[in-house]
C-alpha atoms as a PDB file:
ATOM      1  CA  MET A   1    -109.746   8.785 -56.998  1.00  0.00           C
ATOM      2  CA  ASN A   2    -107.851   6.333 -59.237  1.00  0.00           C
ATOM      3  CA  ALA A   3    -109.511   3.325 -60.909  1.00  0.00           C
ATOM      4  CA  LEU A   4    -107.745   0.761 -58.750  1.00  0.00           C
ATOM      5  CA  PHE A   5    -108.881   2.424 -55.540  1.00  0.00           C
ATOM      6  CA  ARG A   6    -112.468   2.735 -56.813  1.00  0.00           C
ATOM      7  CA  THR A   7    -112.513  -0.945 -57.838  1.00  0.00           C
ATOM      8  CA  GLY A   8    -111.136  -1.957 -54.467  1.00  0.00           C
ATOM      9  CA  LEU A   9    -113.831  -0.017 -52.631  1.00  0.00           C
ATOM     10  CA  VAL A  10    -116.602  -1.581 -54.702  1.00  0.00           C
ATOM     11  CA  GLY A  11    -115.214  -5.102 -54.262  1.00  0.00           C
ATOM     12  CA  ALA A  12    -114.685  -4.716 -50.533  1.00  0.00           C
ATOM     13  CA  ALA A  13    -118.143  -3.242 -49.972  1.00  0.00           C
ATOM     14  CA  LEU A  14    -119.830  -5.984 -51.978  1.00  0.00           C
ATOM     15  CA  PHE A  15    -117.887  -8.736 -50.231  1.00  0.00           C
ATOM     16  CA  ALA A  16    -118.659  -7.241 -46.819  1.00  0.00           C
ATOM     17  CA  SER A  17    -122.373  -6.942 -47.584  1.00  0.00           C
ATOM     18  CA  VAL A  18    -122.532 -10.639 -48.491  1.00  0.00           C
ATOM     19  CA  CYS A  19    -120.346 -12.077 -45.724  1.00  0.00           C
ATOM     20  CA  ALA A  20    -121.052  -9.812 -42.730  1.00  0.00           C
ATOM     21  CA  ARG A  21    -124.399 -11.143 -41.481  1.00  0.00           C
ATOM     22  CA  ALA A  22    -126.071  -9.884 -38.330  1.00  0.00           C
ATOM     23  CA  ASP A  23    -126.869 -13.360 -37.020  1.00  0.00           C
ATOM     24  CA  LEU A  24    -128.599 -14.082 -33.724  1.00  0.00           C
ATOM     25  CA  VAL A  25    -126.055 -15.914 -31.571  1.00  0.00           C
ATOM     26  CA  ILE A  26    -127.838 -18.644 -29.635  1.00  0.00           C
ATOM     27  CA  ASP A  27    -124.794 -19.918 -27.747  1.00  0.00           C
ATOM     28  CA  THR A  28    -121.082 -19.099 -27.808  1.00  0.00           C
ATOM     29  CA  PHE A  29    -120.113 -22.068 -25.563  1.00  0.00           C
ATOM     30  CA  ALA A  30    -117.770 -19.697 -23.756  1.00  0.00           C
ATOM     31  CA  ASP A  31    -118.473 -21.208 -20.345  1.00  0.00           C
ATOM     32  CA  ASP A  32    -117.928 -24.647 -18.796  1.00  0.00           C
ATOM     33  CA  GLN A  33    -120.719 -27.115 -18.125  1.00  0.00           C
ATOM     34  CA  ILE A  34    -120.747 -30.908 -18.234  1.00  0.00           C
ATOM     35  CA  VAL A  35    -123.242 -33.715 -17.656  1.00  0.00           C
ATOM     36  CA  ARG A  36    -122.296 -37.421 -17.634  1.00  0.00           C
ATOM     37  CA  ASP A  37    -124.217 -40.680 -17.498  1.00  0.00           C
ATOM     38  CA  ALA A  38    -122.717 -44.119 -16.933  1.00  0.00           C
ATOM     39  CA  THR A  39    -125.699 -46.444 -16.637  1.00  0.00           C
ATOM     40  CA  ALA A  40    -127.835 -47.308 -19.651  1.00  0.00           C
ATOM     41  CA  SER A  41    -131.560 -46.745 -19.166  1.00  0.00           C
ATOM     42  CA  ALA A  42    -134.680 -46.888 -21.286  1.00  0.00           C
ATOM     43  CA  VAL A  43    -135.348 -44.065 -23.730  1.00  0.00           C
ATOM     44  CA  ILE A  44    -138.072 -41.733 -22.474  1.00  0.00           C
ATOM     45  CA  PRO A  45    -140.394 -40.078 -25.027  1.00  0.00           C
ATOM     46  CA  PHE A  46    -139.524 -36.442 -25.679  1.00  0.00           C
ATOM     47  CA  SER A  47    -143.011 -35.307 -24.636  1.00  0.00           C
ATOM     48  CA  THR A  48    -142.524 -36.367 -21.005  1.00  0.00           C
ATOM     49  CA  ALA A  49    -140.009 -35.877 -18.230  1.00  0.00           C
ATOM     50  CA  TYR A  50    -136.721 -37.625 -18.929  1.00  0.00           C
ATOM     51  CA  SER A  51    -135.338 -39.773 -16.140  1.00  0.00           C
ATOM     52  CA  GLY A  52    -132.317 -41.938 -15.485  1.00  0.00           C
ATOM     53  CA  GLY A  53    -129.808 -39.590 -17.067  1.00  0.00           C
ATOM     54  CA  SER A  54    -127.929 -36.523 -15.830  1.00  0.00           C
ATOM     55  CA  TYR A  55    -129.105 -32.885 -15.842  1.00  0.00           C
ATOM     56  CA  SER A  56    -127.665 -29.472 -15.033  1.00  0.00           C
ATOM     57  CA  GLN A  57    -128.257 -25.801 -15.724  1.00  0.00           C
ATOM     58  CA  GLU A  58    -125.815 -22.967 -16.403  1.00  0.00           C
ATOM     59  CA  CYS A  59    -126.850 -19.305 -16.372  1.00  0.00           C
ATOM     60  CA  ASN A  60    -124.697 -16.639 -18.002  1.00  0.00           C
ATOM     61  CA  ALA A  61    -126.578 -13.709 -19.474  1.00  0.00           C
ATOM     62  CA  GLY A  62    -123.637 -12.596 -21.586  1.00  0.00           C
ATOM     63  CA  VAL A  63    -123.233 -15.672 -23.772  1.00  0.00           C
ATOM     64  CA  LEU A  64    -126.555 -17.542 -23.832  1.00  0.00           C
ATOM     65  CA  LEU A  65    -129.867 -16.891 -25.559  1.00  0.00           C
ATOM     66  CA  GLY A  66    -132.288 -16.117 -22.735  1.00  0.00           C
ATOM     67  CA  GLY A  67    -129.448 -16.187 -20.202  1.00  0.00           C
ATOM     68  CA  CYS A  68    -129.603 -19.895 -19.272  1.00  0.00           C
ATOM     69  CA  ARG A  69    -128.680 -23.234 -20.828  1.00  0.00           C
ATOM     70  CA  GLU A  70    -129.972 -26.618 -19.686  1.00  0.00           C
ATOM     71  CA  LEU A  71    -128.163 -29.859 -20.501  1.00  0.00           C
ATOM     72  CA  TYR A  72    -129.438 -33.397 -20.215  1.00  0.00           C
ATOM     73  CA  VAL A  73    -127.608 -36.556 -21.286  1.00  0.00           C
ATOM     74  CA  GLN A  74    -128.792 -40.140 -21.135  1.00  0.00           C
ATOM     75  CA  LYS A  75    -126.956 -43.356 -21.896  1.00  0.00           C
ATOM     76  CA  THR A  76    -129.245 -45.748 -23.756  1.00  0.00           C
ATOM     77  CA  ALA A  77    -127.029 -48.775 -24.475  1.00  0.00           C
ATOM     78  CA  GLY A  78    -123.640 -50.239 -23.670  1.00  0.00           C
ATOM     79  CA  ASP A  79    -121.524 -51.772 -20.956  1.00  0.00           C
ATOM     80  CA  PRO A  80    -121.662 -50.571 -17.333  1.00  0.00           C
ATOM     81  CA  GLY A  81    -119.699 -47.358 -16.891  1.00  0.00           C
ATOM     82  CA  ASN A  82    -117.582 -45.713 -14.223  1.00  0.00           C
ATOM     83  CA  LEU A  83    -117.893 -41.963 -13.612  1.00  0.00           C
ATOM     84  CA  THR A  84    -114.583 -41.882 -11.736  1.00  0.00           C
ATOM     85  CA  THR A  85    -112.475 -43.390 -14.521  1.00  0.00           C
ATOM     86  CA  GLY A  86    -114.648 -42.139 -17.387  1.00  0.00           C
ATOM     87  CA  VAL A  87    -114.892 -45.622 -18.925  1.00  0.00           C
ATOM     88  CA  ASN A  88    -118.145 -46.286 -20.840  1.00  0.00           C
ATOM     89  CA  VAL A  89    -119.499 -42.845 -19.922  1.00  0.00           C
ATOM     90  CA  VAL A  90    -121.729 -40.772 -22.208  1.00  0.00           C
ATOM     91  CA  PHE A  91    -121.227 -37.037 -21.729  1.00  0.00           C
ATOM     92  CA  ALA A  92    -122.231 -33.638 -23.075  1.00  0.00           C
ATOM     93  CA  ALA A  93    -120.321 -30.456 -22.283  1.00  0.00           C
ATOM     94  CA  SER A  94    -119.818 -26.803 -23.064  1.00  0.00           C
ATOM     95  CA  ASP A  95    -116.046 -26.252 -23.189  1.00  0.00           C
ATOM     96  CA  SER A  96    -114.728 -22.706 -22.754  1.00  0.00           C
ATOM     97  CA  ALA A  97    -111.200 -23.691 -23.832  1.00  0.00           C
ATOM     98  CA  SER A  98    -112.361 -24.569 -27.355  1.00  0.00           C
ATOM     99  CA  ASN A  99    -115.673 -22.633 -27.415  1.00  0.00           C
ATOM    100  CA  LYS A 100    -117.436 -25.820 -28.451  1.00  0.00           C
ATOM    101  CA  PHE A 101    -120.305 -28.017 -27.393  1.00  0.00           C
ATOM    102  CA  ILE A 102    -119.111 -31.630 -27.227  1.00  0.00           C
ATOM    103  CA  PHE A 103    -121.147 -34.836 -27.216  1.00  0.00           C
ATOM    104  CA  ASN A 104    -119.454 -38.218 -26.879  1.00  0.00           C
ATOM    105  CA  SER A 105    -121.016 -41.625 -26.292  1.00  0.00           C
ATOM    106  CA  GLY A 106    -117.737 -43.540 -26.018  1.00  0.00           C
ATOM    107  CA  GLN A 107    -116.765 -46.704 -27.828  1.00  0.00           C
ATOM    108  CA  ALA A 108    -119.204 -49.272 -29.236  1.00  0.00           C
ATOM    109  CA  PRO A 109    -121.558 -50.669 -28.036  1.00  0.00           C
ATOM    110  CA  ASN A 110    -122.177 -47.493 -26.007  1.00  0.00           C
ATOM    111  CA  SER A 111    -124.759 -45.009 -27.169  1.00  0.00           C
ATOM    112  CA  GLY A 112    -126.915 -42.191 -25.860  1.00  0.00           C
ATOM    113  CA  PHE A 113    -128.488 -38.830 -26.586  1.00  0.00           C
ATOM    114  CA  ALA A 114    -128.214 -35.251 -25.346  1.00  0.00           C
ATOM    115  CA  VAL A 115    -130.662 -32.377 -25.006  1.00  0.00           C
ATOM    116  CA  VAL A 116    -129.639 -28.704 -25.000  1.00  0.00           C
ATOM    117  CA  ARG A 117    -132.292 -26.103 -24.174  1.00  0.00           C
ATOM    118  CA  TRP A 118    -132.462 -22.313 -24.064  1.00  0.00           C
ATOM    119  CA  ASP A 119    -135.768 -20.952 -22.734  1.00  0.00           C
ATOM    120  CA  GLY A 120    -134.903 -17.985 -20.533  1.00  0.00           C
ATOM    121  CA  VAL A 121    -136.083 -19.778 -17.379  1.00  0.00           C
ATOM    122  CA  GLU A 122    -133.804 -20.252 -14.393  1.00  0.00           C
ATOM    123  CA  GLU A 123    -134.742 -23.575 -12.834  1.00  0.00           C
ATOM    124  CA  ASN A 124    -132.106 -23.905 -10.134  1.00  0.00           C
ATOM    125  CA  ALA A 125    -134.394 -26.160  -8.085  1.00  0.00           C
ATOM    126  CA  ASN A 126    -133.745 -28.940 -10.602  1.00  0.00           C
ATOM    127  CA  THR A 127    -129.981 -28.484 -10.892  1.00  0.00           C
ATOM    128  CA  GLY A 128    -128.040 -31.562  -9.909  1.00  0.00           C
ATOM    129  CA  THR A 129    -130.987 -33.944 -10.183  1.00  0.00           C
ATOM    130  CA  THR A 130    -131.452 -36.717 -12.737  1.00  0.00           C
ATOM    131  CA  ALA A 131    -134.835 -35.426 -13.936  1.00  0.00           C
ATOM    132  CA  TYR A 132    -135.358 -33.157 -16.903  1.00  0.00           C
ATOM    133  CA  ASP A 133    -138.939 -32.047 -17.496  1.00  0.00           C
ATOM    134  CA  SER A 134    -139.426 -31.197 -21.152  1.00  0.00           C
ATOM    135  CA  SER A 135    -142.774 -29.584 -20.319  1.00  0.00           C
ATOM    136  CA  LEU A 136    -141.120 -26.805 -18.253  1.00  0.00           C
ATOM    137  CA  ARG A 137    -140.943 -24.284 -21.056  1.00  0.00           C
ATOM    138  CA  GLY A 138    -140.646 -20.552 -20.707  1.00  0.00           C
ATOM    139  CA  ASN A 139    -143.168 -18.241 -22.361  1.00  0.00           C
ATOM    140  CA  THR A 140    -141.100 -15.051 -22.254  1.00  0.00           C
ATOM    141  CA  PHE A 141    -140.229 -13.427 -25.578  1.00  0.00           C
ATOM    142  CA  LEU A 142    -136.599 -14.117 -26.511  1.00  0.00           C
ATOM    143  CA  ALA A 143    -136.234 -13.057 -30.146  1.00  0.00           C
ATOM    144  CA  ASP A 144    -137.862 -12.368 -33.484  1.00  0.00           C
ATOM    145  CA  LEU A 145    -136.025 -14.975 -35.550  1.00  0.00           C
ATOM    146  CA  THR A 146    -137.276 -13.614 -38.873  1.00  0.00           C
ATOM    147  CA  SER A 147    -135.542 -10.292 -38.260  1.00  0.00           C
ATOM    148  CA  PHE A 148    -132.211 -12.146 -38.416  1.00  0.00           C
ATOM    149  CA  GLY A 149    -132.925 -14.480 -41.317  1.00  0.00           C
ATOM    150  CA  ASP A 150    -134.707 -17.633 -42.398  1.00  0.00           C
ATOM    151  CA  SER A 151    -132.655 -20.511 -40.969  1.00  0.00           C
ATOM    152  CA  PHE A 152    -130.912 -22.064 -38.015  1.00  0.00           C
ATOM    153  CA  LEU A 153    -127.180 -22.253 -38.799  1.00  0.00           C
ATOM    154  CA  PHE A 154    -124.981 -24.969 -37.273  1.00  0.00           C
ATOM    155  CA  SER A 155    -121.223 -25.445 -37.568  1.00  0.00           C
ATOM    156  CA  TYR A 156    -120.266 -28.920 -36.420  1.00  0.00           C
ATOM    157  CA  THR A 157    -117.902 -31.876 -36.749  1.00  0.00           C
ATOM    158  CA  ALA A 158    -118.926 -35.518 -36.319  1.00  0.00           C
ATOM    159  CA  ASP A 159    -117.262 -38.861 -36.933  1.00  0.00           C
ATOM    160  CA  LEU A 160    -120.535 -40.544 -37.919  1.00  0.00           C
ATOM    161  CA  ALA A 161    -123.842 -39.521 -39.461  1.00  0.00           C
ATOM    162  CA  PHE A 162    -126.510 -38.736 -36.859  1.00  0.00           C
ATOM    163  CA  ASN A 163    -129.908 -37.125 -36.447  1.00  0.00           C
ATOM    164  CA  ILE A 164    -130.753 -33.766 -34.874  1.00  0.00           C
ATOM    165  CA  VAL A 165    -134.207 -32.776 -33.632  1.00  0.00           C
ATOM    166  CA  ILE A 166    -134.773 -29.024 -33.418  1.00  0.00           C
ATOM    167  CA  GLU A 167    -137.756 -27.993 -31.306  1.00  0.00           C
ATOM    168  CA  ALA A 168    -138.954 -24.400 -30.950  1.00  0.00           C
ATOM    169  CA  TRP A 169    -141.881 -22.792 -29.177  1.00  0.00           C
ATOM    170  CA  ASP A 170    -143.454 -19.352 -29.122  1.00  0.00           C
ATOM    171  CA  THR A 171    -144.945 -17.067 -26.495  1.00  0.00           C
ATOM    172  CA  ALA A 172    -148.445 -18.425 -27.206  1.00  0.00           C
ATOM    173  CA  GLY A 173    -147.386 -21.971 -26.278  1.00  0.00           C
ATOM    174  CA  GLY A 174    -147.176 -23.404 -29.769  1.00  0.00           C
ATOM    175  CA  VAL A 175    -144.471 -26.056 -30.229  1.00  0.00           C
ATOM    176  CA  VAL A 176    -142.930 -27.250 -33.477  1.00  0.00           C
ATOM    177  CA  SER A 177    -140.189 -29.776 -34.182  1.00  0.00           C
ATOM    178  CA  ALA A 178    -138.373 -31.241 -37.152  1.00  0.00           C
ATOM    179  CA  THR A 179    -135.712 -33.926 -37.573  1.00  0.00           C
ATOM    180  CA  PHE A 180    -132.637 -33.266 -39.717  1.00  0.00           C
ATOM    181  CA  SER A 181    -129.686 -35.417 -40.714  1.00  0.00           C
ATOM    182  CA  GLY A 182    -126.145 -34.499 -39.675  1.00  0.00           C
ATOM    183  CA  LEU A 183    -123.135 -35.649 -41.686  1.00  0.00           C
ATOM    184  CA  GLY A 184    -120.099 -37.612 -40.507  1.00  0.00           C
ATOM    185  CA  GLY A 185    -116.550 -37.774 -41.800  1.00  0.00           C
ATOM    186  CA  ASN A 186    -114.743 -35.631 -39.196  1.00  0.00           C
ATOM    187  CA  VAL A 187    -114.824 -32.506 -41.368  1.00  0.00           C
ATOM    188  CA  LEU A 188    -116.204 -29.101 -40.421  1.00  0.00           C
ATOM    189  CA  ILE A 189    -119.773 -28.797 -41.722  1.00  0.00           C
ATOM    190  CA  ASN A 190    -121.587 -25.470 -41.990  1.00  0.00           C
ATOM    191  CA  ASP A 191    -125.202 -26.556 -42.275  1.00  0.00           C
ATOM    192  CA  PHE A 192    -128.515 -24.724 -42.230  1.00  0.00           C
ATOM    193  CA  PHE A 193    -132.054 -25.755 -41.367  1.00  0.00           C
ATOM    194  CA  GLU A 194    -134.680 -23.428 -42.780  1.00  0.00           C
ATOM    195  CA  PHE A 195    -137.716 -22.285 -40.815  1.00  0.00           C
ATOM    196  CA  ALA A 196    -139.744 -23.281 -43.888  1.00  0.00           C
ATOM    197  CA  ASP A 197    -138.758 -26.922 -43.297  1.00  0.00           C
ATOM    198  CA  PHE A 198    -140.792 -27.001 -40.076  1.00  0.00           C
ATOM    199  CA  PRO A 199    -144.530 -27.792 -40.196  1.00  0.00           C
ATOM    200  CA  PRO A 200    -146.191 -24.496 -41.239  1.00  0.00           C
ATOM    201  CA  GLY A 201    -148.524 -22.431 -39.106  1.00  0.00           C
ATOM    202  CA  VAL A 202    -147.711 -24.113 -35.792  1.00  0.00           C
ATOM    203  CA  ILE A 203    -145.619 -21.392 -34.151  1.00  0.00           C
ATOM    204  CA  ASP A 204    -144.869 -17.734 -34.761  1.00  0.00           C
ATOM    205  CA  PHE A 205    -141.121 -17.444 -35.464  1.00  0.00           C
ATOM    206  CA  THR A 206    -141.357 -13.719 -34.678  1.00  0.00           C
ATOM    207  CA  GLN A 207    -142.213 -14.641 -31.067  1.00  0.00           C
ATOM    208  CA  LEU A 208    -139.593 -17.216 -30.072  1.00  0.00           C
ATOM    209  CA  ALA A 209    -139.826 -18.213 -26.398  1.00  0.00           C
ATOM    210  CA  GLY A 210    -137.520 -21.230 -26.349  1.00  0.00           C
ATOM    211  CA  LEU A 211    -135.335 -23.554 -28.369  1.00  0.00           C
ATOM    212  CA  GLN A 212    -134.295 -27.150 -27.782  1.00  0.00           C
ATOM    213  CA  VAL A 213    -131.832 -29.316 -29.722  1.00  0.00           C
ATOM    214  CA  ILE A 214    -131.858 -33.098 -29.290  1.00  0.00           C
ATOM    215  CA  ILE A 215    -128.658 -34.769 -30.493  1.00  0.00           C
ATOM    216  CA  ASN A 216    -128.768 -38.401 -31.586  1.00  0.00           C
ATOM    217  CA  PRO A 217    -132.385 -38.971 -30.452  1.00  0.00           C
ATOM    218  CA  GLU A 218    -133.010 -42.437 -28.994  1.00  0.00           C
ATOM    219  CA  GLY A 219    -129.272 -43.113 -29.211  1.00  0.00           C
ATOM    220  CA  SER A 220    -129.708 -44.314 -32.780  1.00  0.00           C
ATOM    221  CA  THR A 221    -126.020 -43.815 -33.721  1.00  0.00           C
ATOM    222  CA  VAL A 222    -123.647 -45.945 -31.659  1.00  0.00           C
ATOM    223  CA  SER A 223    -120.280 -44.538 -30.528  1.00  0.00           C
ATOM    224  CA  LEU A 224    -120.929 -40.991 -31.740  1.00  0.00           C
ATOM    225  CA  ASP A 225    -118.339 -38.243 -31.235  1.00  0.00           C
ATOM    226  CA  MET A 226    -119.448 -34.775 -32.367  1.00  0.00           C
ATOM    227  CA  SER A 227    -119.120 -31.101 -31.506  1.00  0.00           C
ATOM    228  CA  PHE A 228    -120.823 -27.797 -32.327  1.00  0.00           C
ATOM    229  CA  SER A 229    -118.609 -24.751 -32.782  1.00  0.00           C
ATOM    230  CA  SER A 230    -121.529 -22.362 -33.225  1.00  0.00           C
ATOM    231  CA  ILE A 231    -125.323 -22.245 -33.285  1.00  0.00           C
ATOM    232  CA  THR A 232    -126.976 -19.134 -34.710  1.00  0.00           C
ATOM    233  CA  ALA A 233    -130.067 -17.961 -36.537  1.00  0.00           C
ATOM    234  CA  GLY A 234    -129.491 -16.040 -39.742  1.00  0.00           C
ATOM    235  CA  ARG A 235    -129.729 -15.932 -43.483  1.00  0.00           C
ATOM    236  CA  VAL A 236    -127.778 -18.202 -45.800  1.00  0.00           C
ATOM    237  CA  PRO A 237    -126.060 -16.216 -48.598  1.00  0.00           C
ATOM    238  CA  GLU A 238    -127.475 -17.063 -52.015  1.00  0.00           C
ATOM    239  CA  PRO A 239    -125.004 -18.740 -54.408  1.00  0.00           C
ATOM    240  CA  GLY A 240    -125.428 -15.892 -56.882  1.00  0.00           C
ATOM    241  CA  SER A 241    -124.429 -13.329 -54.253  1.00  0.00           C
ATOM    242  CA  LEU A 242    -121.311 -15.283 -53.321  1.00  0.00           C
ATOM    243  CA  ALA A 243    -120.362 -15.639 -56.975  1.00  0.00           C
ATOM    244  CA  LEU A 244    -120.830 -11.901 -57.525  1.00  0.00           C
ATOM    245  CA  ALA A 245    -118.662 -11.107 -54.534  1.00  0.00           C
ATOM    246  CA  GLY A 246    -115.999 -13.475 -55.847  1.00  0.00           C
ATOM    247  CA  LEU A 247    -116.026 -11.790 -59.252  1.00  0.00           C
ATOM    248  CA  ALA A 248    -115.678  -8.396 -57.579  1.00  0.00           C
ATOM    249  CA  LEU A 249    -112.596  -9.531 -55.695  1.00  0.00           C
ATOM    250  CA  LEU A 250    -111.163 -11.048 -58.880  1.00  0.00           C
ATOM    251  CA  GLY A 251    -111.677  -7.663 -60.510  1.00  0.00           C
ATOM    252  CA  VAL A 252    -109.638  -5.996 -57.768  1.00  0.00           C
ATOM    253  CA  GLY A 253    -106.801  -8.442 -58.426  1.00  0.00           C
ATOM    254  CA  ALA A 254    -106.962  -7.903 -62.168  1.00  0.00           C
ATOM    255  CA  SER A 255    -106.861  -4.131 -61.750  1.00  0.00           C
ATOM    256  CA  ALA A 256    -103.862  -4.412 -59.466  1.00  0.00           C
ATOM    257  CA  ARG A 257    -102.006  -6.568 -61.995  1.00  0.00           C
ATOM    258  CA  ARG A 258    -102.784  -4.113 -64.818  1.00  0.00           C
ATOM    259  CA  LYS A 259    -101.536  -1.249 -62.663  1.00  0.00           C
ATOM    260  CA  MET A 260     -98.258  -3.030 -61.942  1.00  0.00           C
ATOM    261  CA  VAL A 261     -97.693  -3.890 -65.613  1.00  0.00           C
ATOM    262  CA  GLY A 262     -98.529  -0.374 -66.762  1.00  0.00           C
END
């Protein structure tokens, strides 16, 4: 085995070990689902049943954590809207054409928020209504998050800065939530939110029973346009590991150049 080939094998193996993570895919957004709200209504606390917005459920065992996704969207401010024309309408959607989750609250002064939930419970009785009961949580084991890593990983694009609330609960009924800041600028952001950033000792991350993401809670950012391209749970590569992998690949290139010159 020549030196170039050996160097290439080492570099490729090291790069693959760093970059090929076995993440838990929470949602691929490979199916179509949309909820829209045209009339602004008062913000309802997250601990109670939402009302005045729009709700639906989509079940697809192949692409969703727990097999089902629930969407709720509520317009909180702005001019009267029209669902037929789409003017002044706040909407949230899973789009199979782009494999993205999209949230849009229209032009200023319109605003709103969206809730996305995965809890493994099929609640078809509520589909098509305007009520979304945040207390209807499943208690069936979905995943051991710690076996995949230490963080929730989000890839997203947004035109403005906004807040995200991540809420998780375990099979024993414990519920934990934390608020994080999302960045604007219309550039792709690969962000991570560590399990350690949540209040400690409240839930068992090895016994996940449900997950809920609240986008732009209370409609605090006006005229927000954002999208998720992926939501997973995994481990963020350490900077030292990435640097080592980069040096290995540089070594492959250097060996190749030496071989050509020689």
